[in-house]
PDB file of N, CA and C in Angstrom:
ATOM      1  N   UNK A   1      -4.198 -65.380  32.548  1.00  0.00           N
ATOM      2  CA  UNK A   1      -4.871 -65.276  31.274  1.00  0.00           C
ATOM      3  C   UNK A   1      -5.069 -66.685  30.721  1.00  0.00           C
ATOM      4  N   UNK A   2      -6.176 -66.907  30.095  1.00  0.00           N
ATOM      5  CA  UNK A   2      -6.487 -68.237  29.595  1.00  0.00           C
ATOM      6  C   UNK A   2      -5.715 -68.550  28.330  1.00  0.00           C
ATOM      7  N   UNK A   3      -5.433 -69.819  28.129  1.00  0.00           N
ATOM      8  CA  UNK A   3      -4.695 -70.264  26.948  1.00  0.00           C
ATOM      9  C   UNK A   3      -5.613 -70.240  25.729  1.00  0.00           C
ATOM     10  N   UNK A   4      -5.074 -69.793  24.614  1.00  0.00           N
ATOM     11  CA  UNK A   4      -5.847 -69.707  23.379  1.00  0.00           C
ATOM     12  C   UNK A   4      -6.086 -71.094  22.805  1.00  0.00           C
ATOM     13  N   UNK A   5      -7.224 -71.234  22.154  1.00  0.00           N
ATOM     14  CA  UNK A   5      -7.579 -72.475  21.480  1.00  0.00           C
ATOM     15  C   UNK A   5      -7.080 -72.437  20.046  1.00  0.00           C
ATOM     16  N   UNK A   6      -6.547 -73.515  19.574  1.00  0.00           N
ATOM     17  CA  UNK A   6      -6.204 -73.627  18.162  1.00  0.00           C
ATOM     18  C   UNK A   6      -7.356 -74.373  17.509  1.00  0.00           C
ATOM     19  N   UNK A   7      -8.285 -73.605  16.949  1.00  0.00           N
ATOM     20  CA  UNK A   7      -9.559 -74.180  16.551  1.00  0.00           C
ATOM     21  C   UNK A   7      -9.451 -75.125  15.375  1.00  0.00           C
ATOM     22  N   UNK A   8      -8.450 -74.999  14.537  1.00  0.00           N
ATOM     23  CA  UNK A   8      -8.331 -75.911  13.402  1.00  0.00           C
ATOM     24  C   UNK A   8      -8.206 -77.346  13.899  1.00  0.00           C
ATOM     25  N   UNK A   9      -7.513 -77.522  15.005  1.00  0.00           N
ATOM     26  CA  UNK A   9      -7.308 -78.851  15.567  1.00  0.00           C
ATOM     27  C   UNK A   9      -8.545 -79.339  16.312  1.00  0.00           C
ATOM     28  N   UNK A  10      -9.287 -78.440  16.955  1.00  0.00           N
ATOM     29  CA  UNK A  10     -10.354 -78.849  17.858  1.00  0.00           C
ATOM     30  C   UNK A  10     -11.758 -78.662  17.304  1.00  0.00           C
ATOM     31  N   UNK A  11     -11.939 -77.757  16.374  1.00  0.00           N
ATOM     32  CA  UNK A  11     -13.282 -77.432  15.904  1.00  0.00           C
ATOM     33  C   UNK A  11     -13.320 -77.337  14.387  1.00  0.00           C
ATOM     34  N   UNK A  12     -14.395 -77.753  13.828  1.00  0.00           N
ATOM     35  CA  UNK A  12     -14.643 -77.511  12.407  1.00  0.00           C
ATOM     36  C   UNK A  12     -15.356 -76.173  12.289  1.00  0.00           C
ATOM     37  N   UNK A  13     -15.585 -75.707  11.061  1.00  0.00           N
ATOM     38  CA  UNK A  13     -16.230 -74.419  10.849  1.00  0.00           C
ATOM     39  C   UNK A  13     -17.601 -74.357  11.511  1.00  0.00           C
ATOM     40  N   UNK A  14     -18.378 -75.431  11.445  1.00  0.00           N
ATOM     41  CA  UNK A  14     -19.705 -75.434  12.063  1.00  0.00           C
ATOM     42  C   UNK A  14     -19.595 -75.285  13.573  1.00  0.00           C
ATOM     43  N   UNK A  15     -18.599 -75.944  14.166  1.00  0.00           N
ATOM     44  CA  UNK A  15     -18.394 -75.835  15.599  1.00  0.00           C
ATOM     45  C   UNK A  15     -17.954 -74.428  15.994  1.00  0.00           C
ATOM     46  N   UNK A  16     -17.261 -73.731  15.098  1.00  0.00           N
ATOM     47  CA  UNK A  16     -16.888 -72.344  15.376  1.00  0.00           C
ATOM     48  C   UNK A  16     -18.122 -71.477  15.522  1.00  0.00           C
ATOM     49  N   UNK A  17     -19.070 -71.657  14.615  1.00  0.00           N
ATOM     50  CA  UNK A  17     -20.315 -70.880  14.707  1.00  0.00           C
ATOM     51  C   UNK A  17     -21.059 -71.187  15.997  1.00  0.00           C
ATOM     52  N   UNK A  18     -21.079 -72.458  16.388  1.00  0.00           N
ATOM     53  CA  UNK A  18     -21.726 -72.841  17.643  1.00  0.00           C
ATOM     54  C   UNK A  18     -20.998 -72.239  18.833  1.00  0.00           C
ATOM     55  N   UNK A  19     -19.672 -72.249  18.798  1.00  0.00           N
ATOM     56  CA  UNK A  19     -18.878 -71.675  19.880  1.00  0.00           C
ATOM     57  C   UNK A  19     -19.159 -70.189  20.022  1.00  0.00           C
ATOM     58  N   UNK A  20     -19.204 -69.474  18.908  1.00  0.00           N
ATOM     59  CA  UNK A  20     -19.490 -68.040  18.939  1.00  0.00           C
ATOM     60  C   UNK A  20     -20.887 -67.793  19.497  1.00  0.00           C
ATOM     61  N   UNK A  21     -21.830 -68.658  19.143  1.00  0.00           N
ATOM     62  CA  UNK A  21     -23.206 -68.480  19.607  1.00  0.00           C
ATOM     63  C   UNK A  21     -23.378 -68.789  21.089  1.00  0.00           C
ATOM     64  N   UNK A  22     -22.618 -69.735  21.619  1.00  0.00           N
ATOM     65  CA  UNK A  22     -22.856 -70.142  23.008  1.00  0.00           C
ATOM     66  C   UNK A  22     -21.979 -69.435  24.030  1.00  0.00           C
ATOM     67  N   UNK A  23     -20.843 -68.906  23.635  1.00  0.00           N
ATOM     68  CA  UNK A  23     -19.959 -68.199  24.566  1.00  0.00           C
ATOM     69  C   UNK A  23     -20.347 -66.727  24.648  1.00  0.00           C
ATOM     70  N   UNK A  24     -20.237 -66.142  25.829  1.00  0.00           N
ATOM     71  CA  UNK A  24     -20.581 -64.729  26.009  1.00  0.00           C
ATOM     72  C   UNK A  24     -19.632 -63.825  25.236  1.00  0.00           C
ATOM     73  N   UNK A  25     -18.331 -64.123  25.285  1.00  0.00           N
ATOM     74  CA  UNK A  25     -17.338 -63.309  24.592  1.00  0.00           C
ATOM     75  C   UNK A  25     -16.348 -64.231  23.887  1.00  0.00           C
ATOM     76  N   UNK A  26     -16.137 -63.982  22.594  1.00  0.00           N
ATOM     77  CA  UNK A  26     -15.174 -64.738  21.806  1.00  0.00           C
ATOM     78  C   UNK A  26     -14.267 -63.735  21.101  1.00  0.00           C
ATOM     79  N   UNK A  27     -12.961 -63.991  21.163  1.00  0.00           N
ATOM     80  CA  UNK A  27     -11.982 -63.126  20.503  1.00  0.00           C
ATOM     81  C   UNK A  27     -11.180 -63.967  19.522  1.00  0.00           C
ATOM     82  N   UNK A  28     -11.250 -63.591  18.243  1.00  0.00           N
ATOM     83  CA  UNK A  28     -10.382 -64.178  17.226  1.00  0.00           C
ATOM     84  C   UNK A  28      -9.156 -63.287  17.154  1.00  0.00           C
ATOM     85  N   UNK A  29      -7.973 -63.867  17.329  1.00  0.00           N
ATOM     86  CA  UNK A  29      -6.758 -63.071  17.419  1.00  0.00           C
ATOM     87  C   UNK A  29      -5.619 -63.711  16.648  1.00  0.00           C
ATOM     88  N   UNK A  30      -4.709 -62.870  16.170  1.00  0.00           N
ATOM     89  CA  UNK A  30      -3.456 -63.341  15.589  1.00  0.00           C
ATOM     90  C   UNK A  30      -2.453 -63.493  16.714  1.00  0.00           C
ATOM     91  N   UNK A  31      -1.734 -64.580  16.724  1.00  0.00           N
ATOM     92  CA  UNK A  31      -0.709 -64.797  17.730  1.00  0.00           C
ATOM     93  C   UNK A  31       0.380 -63.741  17.559  1.00  0.00           C
ATOM     94  N   UNK A  32       0.750 -63.078  18.646  1.00  0.00           N
ATOM     95  CA  UNK A  32       1.785 -62.061  18.614  1.00  0.00           C
ATOM     96  C   UNK A  32       1.307 -60.671  18.227  1.00  0.00           C
ATOM     97  N   UNK A  33       0.025 -60.503  17.972  1.00  0.00           N
ATOM     98  CA  UNK A  33      -0.531 -59.193  17.606  1.00  0.00           C
ATOM     99  C   UNK A  33      -0.694 -58.340  18.867  1.00  0.00           C
ATOM    100  N   UNK A  34      -0.078 -57.155  18.875  1.00  0.00           N
ATOM    101  CA  UNK A  34      -0.135 -56.323  20.080  1.00  0.00           C
ATOM    102  C   UNK A  34      -1.545 -55.805  20.349  1.00  0.00           C
ATOM    103  N   UNK A  35      -2.318 -55.490  19.329  1.00  0.00           N
ATOM    104  CA  UNK A  35      -3.684 -54.999  19.538  1.00  0.00           C
ATOM    105  C   UNK A  35      -4.585 -56.110  20.078  1.00  0.00           C
ATOM    106  N   UNK A  36      -4.345 -57.334  19.626  1.00  0.00           N
ATOM    107  CA  UNK A  36      -5.079 -58.480  20.167  1.00  0.00           C
ATOM    108  C   UNK A  36      -4.762 -58.649  21.639  1.00  0.00           C
ATOM    109  N   UNK A  37      -3.508 -58.473  21.998  1.00  0.00           N
ATOM    110  CA  UNK A  37      -3.082 -58.585  23.390  1.00  0.00           C
ATOM    111  C   UNK A  37      -3.748 -57.504  24.243  1.00  0.00           C
ATOM    112  N   UNK A  38      -3.846 -56.290  23.720  1.00  0.00           N
ATOM    113  CA  UNK A  38      -4.484 -55.186  24.442  1.00  0.00           C
ATOM    114  C   UNK A  38      -5.945 -55.511  24.738  1.00  0.00           C
ATOM    115  N   UNK A  39      -6.658 -56.022  23.744  1.00  0.00           N
ATOM    116  CA  UNK A  39      -8.074 -56.352  23.941  1.00  0.00           C
ATOM    117  C   UNK A  39      -8.231 -57.474  24.964  1.00  0.00           C
ATOM    118  N   UNK A  40      -7.378 -58.488  24.879  1.00  0.00           N
ATOM    119  CA  UNK A  40      -7.432 -59.586  25.853  1.00  0.00           C
ATOM    120  C   UNK A  40      -7.201 -59.062  27.270  1.00  0.00           C
ATOM    121  N   UNK A  41      -6.204 -58.197  27.449  1.00  0.00           N
ATOM    122  CA  UNK A  41      -5.917 -57.638  28.770  1.00  0.00           C
ATOM    123  C   UNK A  41      -7.072 -56.785  29.284  1.00  0.00           C
ATOM    124  N   UNK A  42      -7.666 -55.997  28.413  1.00  0.00           N
ATOM    125  CA  UNK A  42      -8.792 -55.153  28.816  1.00  0.00           C
ATOM    126  C   UNK A  42      -9.969 -56.006  29.277  1.00  0.00           C
ATOM    127  N   UNK A  43     -10.312 -57.021  28.501  1.00  0.00           N
ATOM    128  CA  UNK A  43     -11.434 -57.892  28.877  1.00  0.00           C
ATOM    129  C   UNK A  43     -11.134 -58.647  30.172  1.00  0.00           C
ATOM    130  N   UNK A  44      -9.928 -59.177  30.287  1.00  0.00           N
ATOM    131  CA  UNK A  44      -9.555 -59.870  31.523  1.00  0.00           C
ATOM    132  C   UNK A  44      -9.557 -58.918  32.713  1.00  0.00           C
ATOM    133  N   UNK A  45      -9.162 -57.667  32.497  1.00  0.00           N
ATOM    134  CA  UNK A  45      -9.166 -56.662  33.556  1.00  0.00           C
ATOM    135  C   UNK A  45     -10.554 -56.353  34.065  1.00  0.00           C
ATOM    136  N   UNK A  46     -11.549 -56.533  33.225  1.00  0.00           N
ATOM    137  CA  UNK A  46     -12.946 -56.341  33.629  1.00  0.00           C
ATOM    138  C   UNK A  46     -13.530 -57.594  34.277  1.00  0.00           C
ATOM    139  N   UNK A  47     -12.750 -58.657  34.331  1.00  0.00           N
ATOM    140  CA  UNK A  47     -13.235 -59.897  34.919  1.00  0.00           C
ATOM    141  C   UNK A  47     -13.925 -60.818  33.938  1.00  0.00           C
ATOM    142  N   UNK A  48     -13.773 -60.521  32.651  1.00  0.00           N
ATOM    143  CA  UNK A  48     -14.370 -61.355  31.610  1.00  0.00           C
ATOM    144  C   UNK A  48     -13.370 -62.444  31.248  1.00  0.00           C
ATOM    145  N   UNK A  49     -13.863 -63.639  31.036  1.00  0.00           N
ATOM    146  CA  UNK A  49     -13.017 -64.753  30.644  1.00  0.00           C
ATOM    147  C   UNK A  49     -13.402 -65.161  29.224  1.00  0.00           C
ATOM    148  N   UNK A  50     -12.888 -64.432  28.204  1.00  0.00           N
ATOM    149  CA  UNK A  50     -13.314 -64.710  26.831  1.00  0.00           C
ATOM    150  C   UNK A  50     -12.705 -65.990  26.286  1.00  0.00           C
ATOM    151  N   UNK A  51     -13.410 -66.597  25.351  1.00  0.00           N
ATOM    152  CA  UNK A  51     -12.824 -67.689  24.567  1.00  0.00           C
ATOM    153  C   UNK A  51     -11.932 -67.021  23.537  1.00  0.00           C
ATOM    154  N   UNK A  52     -10.662 -67.397  23.517  1.00  0.00           N
ATOM    155  CA  UNK A  52      -9.702 -66.788  22.611  1.00  0.00           C
ATOM    156  C   UNK A  52      -9.272 -67.833  21.590  1.00  0.00           C
ATOM    157  N   UNK A  53      -9.449 -67.490  20.320  1.00  0.00           N
ATOM    158  CA  UNK A  53      -9.111 -68.412  19.246  1.00  0.00           C
ATOM    159  C   UNK A  53      -8.005 -67.823  18.402  1.00  0.00           C
ATOM    160  N   UNK A  54      -6.867 -68.508  18.365  1.00  0.00           N
ATOM    161  CA  UNK A  54      -5.738 -68.059  17.553  1.00  0.00           C
ATOM    162  C   UNK A  54      -6.007 -68.346  16.085  1.00  0.00           C
ATOM    163  N   UNK A  55      -5.729 -67.358  15.256  1.00  0.00           N
ATOM    164  CA  UNK A  55      -5.926 -67.467  13.821  1.00  0.00           C
ATOM    165  C   UNK A  55      -4.575 -67.250  13.152  1.00  0.00           C
ATOM    166  N   UNK A  56      -4.249 -68.078  12.180  1.00  0.00           N
ATOM    167  CA  UNK A  56      -3.053 -67.828  11.382  1.00  0.00           C
ATOM    168  C   UNK A  56      -3.470 -67.663   9.926  1.00  0.00           C
ATOM    169  N   UNK A  57      -2.515 -67.389   9.068  1.00  0.00           N
ATOM    170  CA  UNK A  57      -2.830 -67.124   7.664  1.00  0.00           C
ATOM    171  C   UNK A  57      -3.492 -68.310   6.980  1.00  0.00           C
ATOM    172  N   UNK A  58      -3.206 -69.512   7.441  1.00  0.00           N
ATOM    173  CA  UNK A  58      -3.765 -70.700   6.802  1.00  0.00           C
ATOM    174  C   UNK A  58      -5.259 -70.858   7.038  1.00  0.00           C
ATOM    175  N   UNK A  59      -5.742 -70.460   8.210  1.00  0.00           N
ATOM    176  CA  UNK A  59      -7.166 -70.650   8.507  1.00  0.00           C
ATOM    177  C   UNK A  59      -7.924 -69.330   8.619  1.00  0.00           C
ATOM    178  N   UNK A  60      -7.357 -68.257   8.117  1.00  0.00           N
ATOM    179  CA  UNK A  60      -8.026 -66.965   8.151  1.00  0.00           C
ATOM    180  C   UNK A  60      -9.298 -66.971   7.303  1.00  0.00           C
ATOM    181  N   UNK A  61      -9.349 -67.800   6.275  1.00  0.00           N
ATOM    182  CA  UNK A  61     -10.540 -67.897   5.427  1.00  0.00           C
ATOM    183  C   UNK A  61     -11.756 -68.402   6.178  1.00  0.00           C
ATOM    184  N   UNK A  62     -11.548 -69.301   7.146  1.00  0.00           N
ATOM    185  CA  UNK A  62     -12.669 -69.789   7.955  1.00  0.00           C
ATOM    186  C   UNK A  62     -13.286 -68.660   8.766  1.00  0.00           C
ATOM    187  N   UNK A  63     -12.445 -67.790   9.299  1.00  0.00           N
ATOM    188  CA  UNK A  63     -12.923 -66.657  10.087  1.00  0.00           C
ATOM    189  C   UNK A  63     -13.657 -65.674   9.190  1.00  0.00           C
ATOM    190  N   UNK A  64     -13.196 -65.531   7.953  1.00  0.00           N
ATOM    191  CA  UNK A  64     -13.863 -64.648   6.999  1.00  0.00           C
ATOM    192  C   UNK A  64     -15.313 -65.058   6.806  1.00  0.00           C
ATOM    193  N   UNK A  65     -15.580 -66.361   6.766  1.00  0.00           N
ATOM    194  CA  UNK A  65     -16.953 -66.844   6.611  1.00  0.00           C
ATOM    195  C   UNK A  65     -17.817 -66.497   7.820  1.00  0.00           C
ATOM    196  N   UNK A  66     -17.254 -66.543   8.999  1.00  0.00           N
ATOM    197  CA  UNK A  66     -18.009 -66.248  10.218  1.00  0.00           C
ATOM    198  C   UNK A  66     -18.228 -64.750  10.375  1.00  0.00           C
ATOM    199  N   UNK A  67     -17.190 -63.957  10.097  1.00  0.00           N
ATOM    200  CA  UNK A  67     -17.262 -62.511  10.267  1.00  0.00           C
ATOM    201  C   UNK A  67     -18.098 -61.878   9.160  1.00  0.00           C
ATOM    202  N   UNK A  68     -18.114 -62.491   7.987  1.00  0.00           N
ATOM    203  CA  UNK A  68     -18.901 -61.962   6.883  1.00  0.00           C
ATOM    204  C   UNK A  68     -18.136 -60.945   6.053  1.00  0.00           C
ATOM    205  N   UNK A  69     -16.868 -61.114   5.910  1.00  0.00           N
ATOM    206  CA  UNK A  69     -16.032 -60.213   5.131  1.00  0.00           C
ATOM    207  C   UNK A  69     -14.598 -60.345   5.571  1.00  0.00           C
ATOM    208  N   UNK A  70     -13.754 -59.479   5.065  1.00  0.00           N
ATOM    209  CA  UNK A  70     -12.348 -59.527   5.446  1.00  0.00           C
ATOM    210  C   UNK A  70     -12.227 -59.148   6.916  1.00  0.00           C
ATOM    211  N   UNK A  71     -11.743 -60.054   7.750  1.00  0.00           N
ATOM    212  CA  UNK A  71     -11.696 -59.773   9.185  1.00  0.00           C
ATOM    213  C   UNK A  71     -10.564 -58.837   9.559  1.00  0.00           C
ATOM    214  N   UNK A  72     -10.814 -58.057  10.580  1.00  0.00           N
ATOM    215  CA  UNK A  72      -9.750 -57.304  11.226  1.00  0.00           C
ATOM    216  C   UNK A  72      -9.492 -58.013  12.546  1.00  0.00           C
ATOM    217  N   UNK A  73      -8.278 -57.979  12.983  1.00  0.00           N
ATOM    218  CA  UNK A  73      -7.950 -58.676  14.220  1.00  0.00           C
ATOM    219  C   UNK A  73      -7.475 -57.696  15.259  1.00  0.00           C
ATOM    220  N   UNK A  74      -7.984 -57.824  16.447  1.00  0.00           N
ATOM    221  CA  UNK A  74      -8.869 -58.869  16.925  1.00  0.00           C
ATOM    222  C   UNK A  74     -10.297 -58.661  16.419  1.00  0.00           C
ATOM    223  N   UNK A  75     -11.027 -59.757  16.295  1.00  0.00           N
ATOM    224  CA  UNK A  75     -12.453 -59.724  15.985  1.00  0.00           C
ATOM    225  C   UNK A  75     -13.167 -60.200  17.242  1.00  0.00           C
ATOM    226  N   UNK A  76     -13.941 -59.312  17.865  1.00  0.00           N
ATOM    227  CA  UNK A  76     -14.569 -59.592  19.154  1.00  0.00           C
ATOM    228  C   UNK A  76     -16.066 -59.789  18.956  1.00  0.00           C
ATOM    229  N   UNK A  77     -16.562 -60.910  19.468  1.00  0.00           N
ATOM    230  CA  UNK A  77     -17.993 -61.214  19.440  1.00  0.00           C
ATOM    231  C   UNK A  77     -18.533 -61.116  20.853  1.00  0.00           C
ATOM    232  N   UNK A  78     -19.637 -60.402  21.018  1.00  0.00           N
ATOM    233  CA  UNK A  78     -20.322 -60.315  22.305  1.00  0.00           C
ATOM    234  C   UNK A  78     -21.716 -60.888  22.141  1.00  0.00           C
ATOM    235  N   UNK A  79     -22.041 -61.889  22.914  1.00  0.00           N
ATOM    236  CA  UNK A  79     -23.363 -62.496  22.833  1.00  0.00           C
ATOM    237  C   UNK A  79     -23.681 -63.056  21.464  1.00  0.00           C
ATOM    238  N   UNK A  80     -22.687 -63.584  20.760  1.00  0.00           N
ATOM    239  CA  UNK A  80     -22.897 -64.196  19.461  1.00  0.00           C
ATOM    240  C   UNK A  80     -22.936 -63.237  18.293  1.00  0.00           C
ATOM    241  N   UNK A  81     -22.742 -61.939  18.558  1.00  0.00           N
ATOM    242  CA  UNK A  81     -22.804 -60.918  17.512  1.00  0.00           C
ATOM    243  C   UNK A  81     -21.446 -60.230  17.417  1.00  0.00           C
ATOM    244  N   UNK A  82     -20.991 -59.976  16.195  1.00  0.00           N
ATOM    245  CA  UNK A  82     -19.727 -59.294  15.999  1.00  0.00           C
ATOM    246  C   UNK A  82     -19.817 -57.887  16.579  1.00  0.00           C
ATOM    247  N   UNK A  83     -18.965 -57.603  17.545  1.00  0.00           N
ATOM    248  CA  UNK A  83     -18.906 -56.276  18.167  1.00  0.00           C
ATOM    249  C   UNK A  83     -17.933 -55.386  17.406  1.00  0.00           C
ATOM    250  N   UNK A  84     -16.797 -55.938  17.005  1.00  0.00           N
ATOM    251  CA  UNK A  84     -15.828 -55.173  16.243  1.00  0.00           C
ATOM    252  C   UNK A  84     -14.416 -55.504  16.648  1.00  0.00           C
ATOM    253  N   UNK A  85     -13.520 -54.596  16.327  1.00  0.00           N
ATOM    254  CA  UNK A  85     -12.114 -54.789  16.619  1.00  0.00           C
ATOM    255  C   UNK A  85     -11.669 -53.919  17.777  1.00  0.00           C
ATOM    256  N   UNK A  86     -10.380 -53.633  17.787  1.00  0.00           N
ATOM    257  CA  UNK A  86      -9.794 -52.887  18.902  1.00  0.00           C
ATOM    258  C   UNK A  86     -10.385 -51.480  18.996  1.00  0.00           C
ATOM    259  N   UNK A  87     -10.678 -50.846  17.889  1.00  0.00           N
ATOM    260  CA  UNK A  87     -11.237 -49.487  17.930  1.00  0.00           C
ATOM    261  C   UNK A  87     -12.614 -49.469  18.577  1.00  0.00           C
ATOM    262  N   UNK A  88     -13.449 -50.436  18.237  1.00  0.00           N
ATOM    263  CA  UNK A  88     -14.786 -50.479  18.823  1.00  0.00           C
ATOM    264  C   UNK A  88     -14.730 -50.818  20.310  1.00  0.00           C
ATOM    265  N   UNK A  89     -13.878 -51.765  20.668  1.00  0.00           N
ATOM    266  CA  UNK A  89     -13.767 -52.164  22.072  1.00  0.00           C
ATOM    267  C   UNK A  89     -13.210 -51.013  22.909  1.00  0.00           C
ATOM    268  N   UNK A  90     -12.138 -50.385  22.442  1.00  0.00           N
ATOM    269  CA  UNK A  90     -11.551 -49.276  23.200  1.00  0.00           C
ATOM    270  C   UNK A  90     -12.490 -48.073  23.240  1.00  0.00           C
ATOM    271  N   UNK A  91     -13.170 -47.795  22.132  1.00  0.00           N
ATOM    272  CA  UNK A  91     -14.130 -46.698  22.108  1.00  0.00           C
ATOM    273  C   UNK A  91     -15.262 -46.915  23.099  1.00  0.00           C
ATOM    274  N   UNK A  92     -15.756 -48.144  23.153  1.00  0.00           N
ATOM    275  CA  UNK A  92     -16.824 -48.462  24.104  1.00  0.00           C
ATOM    276  C   UNK A  92     -16.309 -48.381  25.542  1.00  0.00           C
ATOM    277  N   UNK A  93     -15.078 -48.782  25.760  1.00  0.00           N
ATOM    278  CA  UNK A  93     -14.474 -48.698  27.097  1.00  0.00           C
ATOM    279  C   UNK A  93     -14.346 -47.239  27.533  1.00  0.00           C
ATOM    280  N   UNK A  94     -13.835 -46.401  26.654  1.00  0.00           N
ATOM    281  CA  UNK A  94     -13.636 -44.987  26.992  1.00  0.00           C
ATOM    282  C   UNK A  94     -14.959 -44.272  27.224  1.00  0.00           C
ATOM    283  N   UNK A  95     -15.977 -44.612  26.439  1.00  0.00           N
ATOM    284  CA  UNK A  95     -17.288 -43.948  26.577  1.00  0.00           C
ATOM    285  C   UNK A  95     -18.133 -44.527  27.711  1.00  0.00           C
ATOM    286  N   UNK A  96     -17.669 -45.613  28.309  1.00  0.00           N
ATOM    287  CA  UNK A  96     -18.424 -46.224  29.404  1.00  0.00           C
ATOM    288  C   UNK A  96     -19.489 -47.203  28.943  1.00  0.00           C
ATOM    289  N   UNK A  97     -19.510 -47.536  27.671  1.00  0.00           N
ATOM    290  CA  UNK A  97     -20.528 -48.445  27.136  1.00  0.00           C
ATOM    291  C   UNK A  97     -20.108 -49.908  27.154  1.00  0.00           C
ATOM    292  N   UNK A  98     -18.823 -50.188  27.405  1.00  0.00           N
ATOM    293  CA  UNK A  98     -18.351 -51.566  27.337  1.00  0.00           C
ATOM    294  C   UNK A  98     -18.943 -52.434  28.439  1.00  0.00           C
ATOM    295  N   UNK A  99     -18.927 -51.960  29.670  1.00  0.00           N
ATOM    296  CA  UNK A  99     -19.436 -52.771  30.783  1.00  0.00           C
ATOM    297  C   UNK A  99     -20.923 -53.096  30.595  1.00  0.00           C
ATOM    298  N   UNK A 100     -21.777 -52.130  30.237  1.00  0.00           N
ATOM    299  CA  UNK A 100     -23.177 -52.503  29.974  1.00  0.00           C
ATOM    300  C   UNK A 100     -23.331 -53.522  28.850  1.00  0.00           C
ATOM    301  N   UNK A 101     -22.508 -53.417  27.810  1.00  0.00           N
ATOM    302  CA  UNK A 101     -22.575 -54.387  26.712  1.00  0.00           C
ATOM    303  C   UNK A 101     -22.124 -55.766  27.176  1.00  0.00           C
ATOM    304  N   UNK A 102     -21.115 -55.810  28.035  1.00  0.00           N
ATOM    305  CA  UNK A 102     -20.665 -57.090  28.585  1.00  0.00           C
ATOM    306  C   UNK A 102     -21.730 -57.697  29.484  1.00  0.00           C
ATOM    307  N   UNK A 103     -22.418 -56.851  30.241  1.00  0.00           N
ATOM    308  CA  UNK A 103     -23.528 -57.366  31.069  1.00  0.00           C
ATOM    309  C   UNK A 103     -24.659 -57.899  30.200  1.00  0.00           C
ATOM    310  N   UNK A 104     -24.966 -57.170  29.139  1.00  0.00           N
ATOM    311  CA  UNK A 104     -26.021 -57.587  28.217  1.00  0.00           C
ATOM    312  C   UNK A 104     -25.679 -58.931  27.574  1.00  0.00           C
ATOM    313  N   UNK A 105     -24.400 -59.159  27.302  1.00  0.00           N
ATOM    314  CA  UNK A 105     -23.959 -60.428  26.706  1.00  0.00           C
ATOM    315  C   UNK A 105     -23.820 -61.529  27.754  1.00  0.00           C
ATOM    316  N   UNK A 106     -24.074 -61.183  29.012  1.00  0.00           N
ATOM    317  CA  UNK A 106     -23.969 -62.090  30.159  1.00  0.00           C
ATOM    318  C   UNK A 106     -22.536 -62.558  30.421  1.00  0.00           C
ATOM    319  N   UNK A 107     -21.598 -61.654  30.132  1.00  0.00           N
ATOM    320  CA  UNK A 107     -20.198 -61.930  30.433  1.00  0.00           C
ATOM    321  C   UNK A 107     -19.841 -61.401  31.822  1.00  0.00           C
ATOM    322  N   UNK A 108     -20.639 -60.448  32.316  1.00  0.00           N
ATOM    323  CA  UNK A 108     -20.472 -59.879  33.661  1.00  0.00           C
ATOM    324  C   UNK A 108     -21.795 -59.963  34.402  1.00  0.00           C
ATOM    325  N   UNK A 109     -21.720 -60.153  35.688  1.00  0.00           N
ATOM    326  CA  UNK A 109     -22.926 -60.245  36.496  1.00  0.00           C
ATOM    327  C   UNK A 109     -23.101 -59.076  37.445  1.00  0.00           C
ATOM    328  N   UNK A 110     -22.028 -58.389  37.780  1.00  0.00           N
ATOM    329  CA  UNK A 110     -22.123 -57.281  38.728  1.00  0.00           C
ATOM    330  C   UNK A 110     -21.986 -55.959  38.037  1.00  0.00           C
TER     331      UNK A 110
END
């Protein structure tokens, strides 16, 4: 599993928007959150290598600006667009819609 980025140290808010726009899959997650871990494992199990950004209480406001409201974690972006949290990701996985959405976001090729 890939190491999470601590974006406060590496990116400013503008760079976060650029990162979300250029990466196929981006996951904003709280460190130690079990639902965030589940989403990361599911995406990795499909062969997706998402950009994972750890969020803590101090920089949660920056994520609020990107998400457009009070964020739920994990916050998953596919192809630069907010897909949702664990409920949306798991629901799409169970219904069989997740893989086509990942292909559409160019996170999967096969």
